Amino acid sequence: MSQQSSRMSCGYTSHVGSPSSTIETFPSVPLNPSDSSVRKTRKRQATANTWAHAREPQDAEPARCPRKDEKIYYCMHCRDPTYSTTVLTTFRRHLLKAHGIELSAPDHPIKRQRDNLIQDAFAKAGEVNASKQSARQEAALRAAVNRKAALEALIQLVTVRNLSCNCSSWPELHALICAVNYTAQDLISLSHGSIQKLVSNSYCVTRRETRDKHDSDWVIENDRGRVRAKGGDTAARRANHKRVVGWYGKGFLYPEEVAFE
């Protein structure tokens, strides 16, 4: 009984002192990082540390976002102009880039699941230590990642196979990418709107390129003959438009066949 009470008292004292002393007092009981209470505590500490650089709204500044009814946090270091956001990651990135304040972020749950899946995959393949490469090999692997081509392939996969836009939160997809090249672990953003933004940007670029190709070469035919004008130039397109308006009823405007590359 005395030994048990002694162990309990030691455990209580070390818990009050620091989390590291708790681990040393109970070496036979490892902490599980996936435990909900530990994860929530770490998240609360990181959030409090980040929002310590935020201030409350002043004067006519809105307190909440009208679209999602989320609280708006204003950077206490930015005065003119001010900076505000509702996203923790965005606020932390702003502190690093604008003010040189680097804050440690807790591991994302999706990243933890991804790491577990990768470890299981390598363990089943009998290559537990295969992911531990030298610095030279890691640099070569990083140089081999074609980010632009990989994102374009991801867009094609999502649009052609009609995948959900929340696939960025699938641990299995992140595990697949890391199993091929573990240096590409940050290729896909964990933001819920990242895939939708990529698809939208790709659509806008494709539409603009298609429009430019159609407008790249126009021919004006009128009573004076055929006049060729390059439509890729904005000034040329405006000049063509004025000619057509001036020659309305006298000639025709039509695009020649454009050979798509």
Protein backbone atom coordinates (compact mmCIF):
# COMPACT_ATOMS: atom_id res chain seq x y z
CA MET A 1 0.00 0.00 0.00
CA SER A 2 2.83 2.41 0.87
CA GLN A 3 4.56 1.69 -2.42
CA GLN A 4 1.33 2.27 -4.34
CA SER A 5 0.70 5.59 -2.58
CA SER A 6 4.29 6.59 -3.25
CA ARG A 7 3.85 5.91 -6.96
CA MET A 8 0.60 7.86 -7.02
CA SER A 9 2.14 10.83 -5.29
CA CYS A 10 5.11 10.80 -7.65
CA GLY A 11 2.80 10.68 -10.62
CA TYR A 12 0.73 13.60 -9.34
CA THR A 13 3.76 15.74 -8.64
CA SER A 14 5.31 15.12 -12.05
CA HIS A 15 2.01 15.89 -13.77
CA VAL A 16 1.89 19.30 -12.18
CA GLY A 17 5.52 19.98 -13.01
CA SER A 18 5.64 19.32 -16.76
CA PRO A 19 4.40 16.82 -19.39
CA SER A 20 7.95 15.58 -19.97
CA SER A 21 8.35 14.54 -16.33
CA THR A 22 5.13 12.57 -16.61
CA ILE A 23 6.63 10.45 -19.36
CA GLU A 24 9.74 9.79 -17.28
CA THR A 25 7.69 8.81 -14.20
CA PHE A 26 5.62 6.24 -16.10
CA PRO A 27 7.94 4.69 -18.69
CA SER A 28 5.78 1.59 -18.94
CA VAL A 29 2.65 3.55 -19.99
CA PRO A 30 3.36 5.31 -23.31
CA LEU A 31 1.18 8.21 -24.31
CA ASN A 32 -0.95 7.60 -27.36
CA PRO A 33 -0.84 10.67 -29.63
CA SER A 34 -4.22 9.67 -31.07
CA ASP A 35 -5.86 9.94 -27.67
CA SER A 36 -8.71 12.45 -27.93
CA SER A 37 -7.99 14.26 -24.67
CA VAL A 38 -4.29 14.70 -25.45
CA ARG A 39 -5.07 15.83 -28.98
CA LYS A 40 -7.65 18.38 -27.81
CA THR A 41 -5.26 19.75 -25.18
CA ARG A 42 -2.46 20.18 -27.72
CA LYS A 43 -4.84 21.85 -30.14
CA ARG A 44 -6.13 24.23 -27.48
CA GLN A 45 -2.57 25.19 -26.52
CA ALA A 46 -1.52 25.79 -30.12
CA THR A 47 -4.68 27.77 -30.84
CA ALA A 48 -4.23 29.92 -27.76
CA ASN A 49 -0.60 30.53 -28.70
CA THR A 50 -1.61 31.64 -32.20
CA TRP A 51 -4.54 33.82 -31.25
CA ALA A 52 -2.37 35.59 -28.66
CA HIS A 53 -1.27 37.73 -31.61
CA ALA A 54 -4.87 38.63 -32.48
CA ARG A 55 -7.00 41.53 -31.29
CA GLU A 56 -10.70 42.20 -31.01
CA PRO A 57 -12.52 44.25 -33.69
CA GLN A 58 -12.46 48.00 -33.35
CA ASP A 59 -14.91 50.74 -34.41
CA ALA A 60 -16.97 49.51 -37.38
CA GLU A 61 -14.99 46.30 -37.97
CA PRO A 62 -17.25 43.22 -38.14
CA ALA A 63 -16.86 40.65 -35.40
CA ARG A 64 -18.07 37.63 -37.39
CA CYS A 65 -18.02 36.55 -41.01
CA PRO A 66 -21.54 36.95 -42.46
CA ARG A 67 -21.13 34.07 -44.90
CA LYS A 68 -20.21 31.29 -42.45
CA ASP A 69 -20.84 33.07 -39.13
CA GLU A 70 -17.24 32.47 -38.06
CA LYS A 71 -15.36 34.73 -35.69
CA ILE A 72 -12.95 37.14 -37.36
CA TYR A 73 -9.54 37.61 -35.79
CA TYR A 74 -7.52 40.75 -36.48
CA CYS A 75 -3.72 40.83 -36.42
CA MET A 76 -2.55 43.00 -33.55
CA HIS A 77 0.69 43.83 -35.39
CA CYS A 78 -1.01 45.25 -38.52
CA ARG A 79 -2.40 48.75 -38.21
CA ASP A 80 -2.49 50.36 -41.63
CA PRO A 81 -3.65 48.38 -43.46
CA THR A 82 -5.25 45.91 -41.10
CA TYR A 83 -5.28 42.14 -41.58
CA SER A 84 -8.02 39.72 -40.59
CA THR A 85 -8.95 36.09 -41.20
CA THR A 86 -11.03 33.27 -39.77
CA VAL A 87 -8.62 30.45 -40.64
CA LEU A 88 -5.96 29.39 -38.16
CA THR A 89 -3.47 28.19 -40.79
CA THR A 90 -3.82 31.37 -42.82
CA PHE A 91 -3.28 33.52 -39.73
CA ARG A 92 -0.17 31.52 -38.79
CA ARG A 93 1.21 31.88 -42.32
CA HIS A 94 0.61 35.63 -42.19
CA LEU A 95 2.54 35.93 -38.92
CA LEU A 96 5.49 34.09 -40.46
CA LYS A 97 5.63 36.00 -43.75
CA ALA A 98 4.68 39.49 -42.59
CA HIS A 99 6.16 39.62 -39.10
CA GLY A 100 8.70 36.77 -38.95
CA ILE A 101 6.82 35.07 -36.10
CA GLU A 102 7.00 31.28 -36.44
CA LEU A 103 4.54 29.25 -34.39
CA SER A 104 4.57 25.47 -34.06
CA ALA A 105 1.47 23.82 -35.45
CA PRO A 106 0.08 20.52 -34.12
CA ASP A 107 0.09 17.52 -36.41
CA HIS A 108 -2.99 17.34 -38.58
CA PRO A 109 -5.16 14.24 -37.96
CA ILE A 110 -5.03 13.39 -41.66
CA LYS A 111 -1.22 13.49 -41.59
CA ARG A 112 -1.14 11.15 -38.60
CA GLN A 113 -3.44 8.69 -40.35
CA ARG A 114 -1.32 9.00 -43.49
CA ASP A 115 1.87 8.19 -41.56
CA ASN A 116 0.20 5.18 -39.95
CA LEU A 117 -0.93 3.89 -43.33
CA ILE A 118 2.56 4.31 -44.79
CA GLN A 119 4.17 2.50 -41.86
CA ASP A 120 1.71 -0.36 -42.22
CA ALA A 121 2.36 -0.57 -45.96
CA PHE A 122 6.15 -0.69 -45.55
CA ALA A 123 5.85 -3.12 -42.65
CA LYS A 124 3.77 -5.51 -44.74
CA ALA A 125 6.31 -5.22 -47.54
CA GLY A 126 9.14 -5.99 -45.12
CA GLU A 127 10.76 -2.59 -45.62
CA VAL A 128 10.16 -0.70 -42.40
CA ASN A 129 13.29 1.43 -42.79
CA ALA A 130 12.97 1.96 -46.53
CA SER A 131 11.68 5.50 -46.12
CA LYS A 132 14.79 6.61 -44.18
CA GLN A 133 16.96 7.91 -46.98
CA SER A 134 20.18 9.88 -46.86
CA ALA A 135 20.24 13.64 -47.39
CA ARG A 136 21.56 13.23 -50.92
CA GLN A 137 18.83 10.80 -51.88
CA GLU A 138 16.19 13.04 -50.33
CA ALA A 139 17.41 16.02 -52.37
CA ALA A 140 17.23 13.93 -55.53
CA LEU A 141 13.71 12.83 -54.70
CA ARG A 142 12.60 16.42 -54.06
CA ALA A 143 14.06 17.51 -57.39
CA ALA A 144 12.19 14.70 -59.13
CA VAL A 145 8.79 16.03 -58.05
CA ASN A 146 7.09 17.92 -60.86
CA ARG A 147 4.51 19.80 -58.84
CA LYS A 148 2.75 21.39 -61.80
CA ALA A 149 2.38 18.09 -63.67
CA ALA A 150 1.26 16.26 -60.53
CA LEU A 151 -1.45 18.82 -59.78
CA GLU A 152 -2.63 18.73 -63.39
CA ALA A 153 -2.86 14.92 -63.17
CA LEU A 154 -4.82 15.30 -59.94
CA ILE A 155 -7.24 17.71 -61.63
CA GLN A 156 -7.74 15.24 -64.49
CA LEU A 157 -8.37 12.44 -62.00
CA VAL A 158 -10.97 14.45 -60.10
CA THR A 159 -12.81 15.79 -63.14
CA VAL A 160 -12.73 12.73 -65.39
CA ARG A 161 -13.53 10.21 -62.65
CA ASN A 162 -15.97 12.58 -60.94
CA LEU A 163 -14.28 12.37 -57.55
CA SER A 164 -15.44 14.38 -54.60
CA CYS A 165 -13.74 17.72 -53.98
CA ASN A 166 -13.04 16.67 -50.39
CA CYS A 167 -10.59 14.00 -51.59
CA SER A 168 -7.86 16.26 -50.21
CA SER A 169 -8.88 14.96 -46.78
CA TRP A 170 -8.50 11.28 -47.72
CA PRO A 171 -5.58 9.77 -45.78
CA GLU A 172 -5.37 6.96 -48.34
CA LEU A 173 -4.64 9.44 -51.16
CA HIS A 174 -1.89 11.12 -49.15
CA ALA A 175 -0.48 7.72 -48.22
CA LEU A 176 -0.37 6.70 -51.89
CA ILE A 177 1.55 9.85 -52.85
CA CYS A 178 4.02 9.46 -49.99
CA ALA A 179 4.55 5.79 -50.78
CA VAL A 180 5.65 6.76 -54.30
CA ASN A 181 7.74 9.73 -53.15
CA TYR A 182 7.71 10.66 -49.49
CA THR A 183 9.13 14.14 -50.21
CA ALA A 184 5.83 15.02 -51.94
CA GLN A 185 3.86 14.79 -48.70
CA ASP A 186 2.78 18.45 -48.98
CA LEU A 187 1.76 18.19 -52.63
CA ILE A 188 -1.96 18.27 -51.84
CA SER A 189 -3.20 20.90 -49.45
CA LEU A 190 -5.32 19.69 -46.55
CA SER A 191 -7.74 22.58 -47.01
CA HIS A 192 -11.28 21.49 -47.87
CA GLY A 193 -11.51 23.97 -50.74
CA SER A 194 -8.10 23.32 -52.28
CA ILE A 195 -9.31 20.80 -54.89
CA GLN A 196 -12.25 22.97 -55.87
CA LYS A 197 -9.93 25.96 -56.28
CA LEU A 198 -7.52 23.95 -58.45
CA VAL A 199 -10.34 22.73 -60.70
CA SER A 200 -11.81 26.22 -60.98
CA ASN A 201 -8.45 27.78 -61.88
CA SER A 202 -7.77 25.05 -64.43
CA TYR A 203 -11.16 25.67 -66.05
CA CYS A 204 -10.52 29.42 -66.28
CA VAL A 205 -7.09 28.87 -67.84
CA THR A 206 -8.44 26.35 -70.36
CA ARG A 207 -11.32 28.63 -71.31
CA ARG A 208 -8.96 31.59 -71.81
CA GLU A 209 -6.55 29.53 -73.92
CA THR A 210 -9.40 28.21 -76.07
CA ARG A 211 -10.76 31.71 -76.59
CA ASP A 212 -7.34 33.06 -77.53
CA LYS A 213 -6.82 30.27 -80.03
CA HIS A 214 -10.18 30.98 -81.68
CA ASP A 215 -9.40 34.71 -81.81
CA SER A 216 -5.77 34.28 -82.85
CA ASP A 217 -6.31 34.64 -86.61
CA TRP A 218 -9.20 36.47 -88.27
CA VAL A 219 -9.78 37.38 -91.91
CA ILE A 220 -11.85 40.34 -93.09
CA GLU A 221 -13.39 40.02 -96.52
CA ASN A 222 -14.96 43.03 -98.19
CA ASP A 223 -15.19 44.75 -101.53
CA ARG A 224 -11.50 45.66 -101.29
CA GLY A 225 -10.39 42.08 -100.92
CA ARG A 226 -9.23 39.88 -98.09
CA VAL A 227 -7.37 41.47 -95.19
CA ARG A 228 -5.64 39.33 -92.60
CA ALA A 229 -5.28 40.57 -89.03
CA LYS A 230 -3.79 38.81 -86.04
CA GLY A 231 -6.32 38.76 -83.24
CA GLY A 232 -3.85 37.82 -80.51
CA ASP A 233 -3.03 41.48 -80.04
CA THR A 234 -5.67 43.49 -78.19
CA ALA A 235 -5.14 46.52 -80.42
CA ALA A 236 -5.52 44.36 -83.51
CA ARG A 237 -8.81 42.91 -82.24
CA ARG A 238 -10.16 46.39 -81.59
CA ALA A 239 -9.08 47.54 -85.04
CA ASN A 240 -10.76 44.52 -86.61
CA HIS A 241 -13.94 45.25 -84.69
CA LYS A 242 -13.99 48.87 -85.92
CA ARG A 243 -13.45 47.76 -89.51
CA VAL A 244 -16.30 45.27 -89.31
CA VAL A 245 -18.64 47.85 -87.78
CA GLY A 246 -17.67 50.38 -90.45
CA TRP A 247 -18.13 47.86 -93.25
CA TYR A 248 -21.38 46.43 -91.95
CA GLY A 249 -23.35 45.07 -94.86
CA LYS A 250 -20.38 45.21 -97.20
CA GLY A 251 -18.27 42.36 -95.96
CA PHE A 252 -18.09 39.35 -93.70
CA LEU A 253 -15.94 38.45 -90.74
CA TYR A 254 -15.11 34.83 -90.10
CA PRO A 255 -12.31 32.94 -88.35
CA GLU A 256 -10.10 30.65 -90.31
CA GLU A 257 -9.61 27.11 -89.17
CA VAL A 258 -7.33 27.11 -86.17
CA ALA A 259 -5.03 24.11 -85.71
CA PHE A 260 -5.02 23.25 -82.02
CA GLU A 261 -1.70 22.13 -80.66
